[in-house]
């Protein structure tokens, strides 16, 4: 606990910023995958209809 009190606020900020960036990238990738799956489902549905 004492070590956390000595932590440099800039180091903590950098850690949080890196974590935020990683989460934003993961979210973006998930959104792209979701869009691709929706497009694939729509194409498959269209093929089944023909």
Protein backbone atom coordinates (compact mmCIF):
# COMPACT_ATOMS: atom_id res chain seq x y z
CA UNK A 1 0.00 0.00 0.00
CA UNK A 2 2.85 2.33 0.79
CA UNK A 3 4.21 1.84 -2.71
CA UNK A 4 0.94 2.97 -4.25
CA UNK A 5 1.14 6.19 -2.28
CA UNK A 6 4.59 6.80 -3.72
CA UNK A 7 3.51 6.12 -7.30
CA UNK A 8 4.17 8.89 -9.75
CA UNK A 9 0.85 10.34 -10.96
CA UNK A 10 2.24 10.56 -14.49
CA UNK A 11 3.01 6.83 -14.47
CA UNK A 12 -0.52 6.08 -13.33
CA UNK A 13 -1.91 8.37 -16.01
CA UNK A 14 0.17 6.64 -18.68
CA UNK A 15 -1.10 3.25 -17.52
CA UNK A 16 -4.70 4.41 -17.70
CA UNK A 17 -4.19 6.02 -21.10
CA UNK A 18 -2.64 2.81 -22.45
CA UNK A 19 -5.47 0.76 -21.03
CA UNK A 20 -8.01 3.15 -22.55
CA UNK A 21 -6.30 2.94 -25.94
CA UNK A 22 -6.25 -0.87 -25.77
CA UNK A 23 -9.95 -0.95 -24.88
CA UNK A 24 -10.82 1.47 -27.69
CA UNK A 25 -8.93 -0.70 -30.18
CA UNK A 26 -10.69 -3.84 -28.94
CA UNK A 27 -14.06 -2.08 -29.21
CA UNK A 28 -13.28 -0.98 -32.76
CA UNK A 29 -12.28 -4.50 -33.77
CA UNK A 30 -15.46 -5.91 -32.21
CA UNK A 31 -17.59 -3.39 -34.09
CA UNK A 32 -15.90 -4.30 -37.40
CA UNK A 33 -16.48 -7.98 -36.75
CA UNK A 34 -20.12 -7.35 -35.88
CA UNK A 35 -20.66 -5.41 -39.10
CA UNK A 36 -18.98 -8.16 -41.13
CA UNK A 37 -21.16 -10.81 -39.50
CA UNK A 38 -24.30 -8.77 -40.21
CA UNK A 39 -23.28 -8.35 -43.87
CA UNK A 40 -22.55 -12.05 -44.16
CA UNK A 41 -25.90 -12.93 -42.58
CA UNK A 42 -27.69 -10.58 -45.00
CA UNK A 43 -25.89 -12.13 -47.99
CA UNK A 44 -26.66 -15.63 -46.80
CA UNK A 45 -30.31 -14.68 -46.31
CA UNK A 46 -30.45 -13.20 -49.80
CA UNK A 47 -28.96 -16.37 -51.30
CA UNK A 48 -31.48 -18.52 -49.43
CA UNK A 49 -34.30 -16.36 -50.81
CA UNK A 50 -33.28 -16.91 -54.44
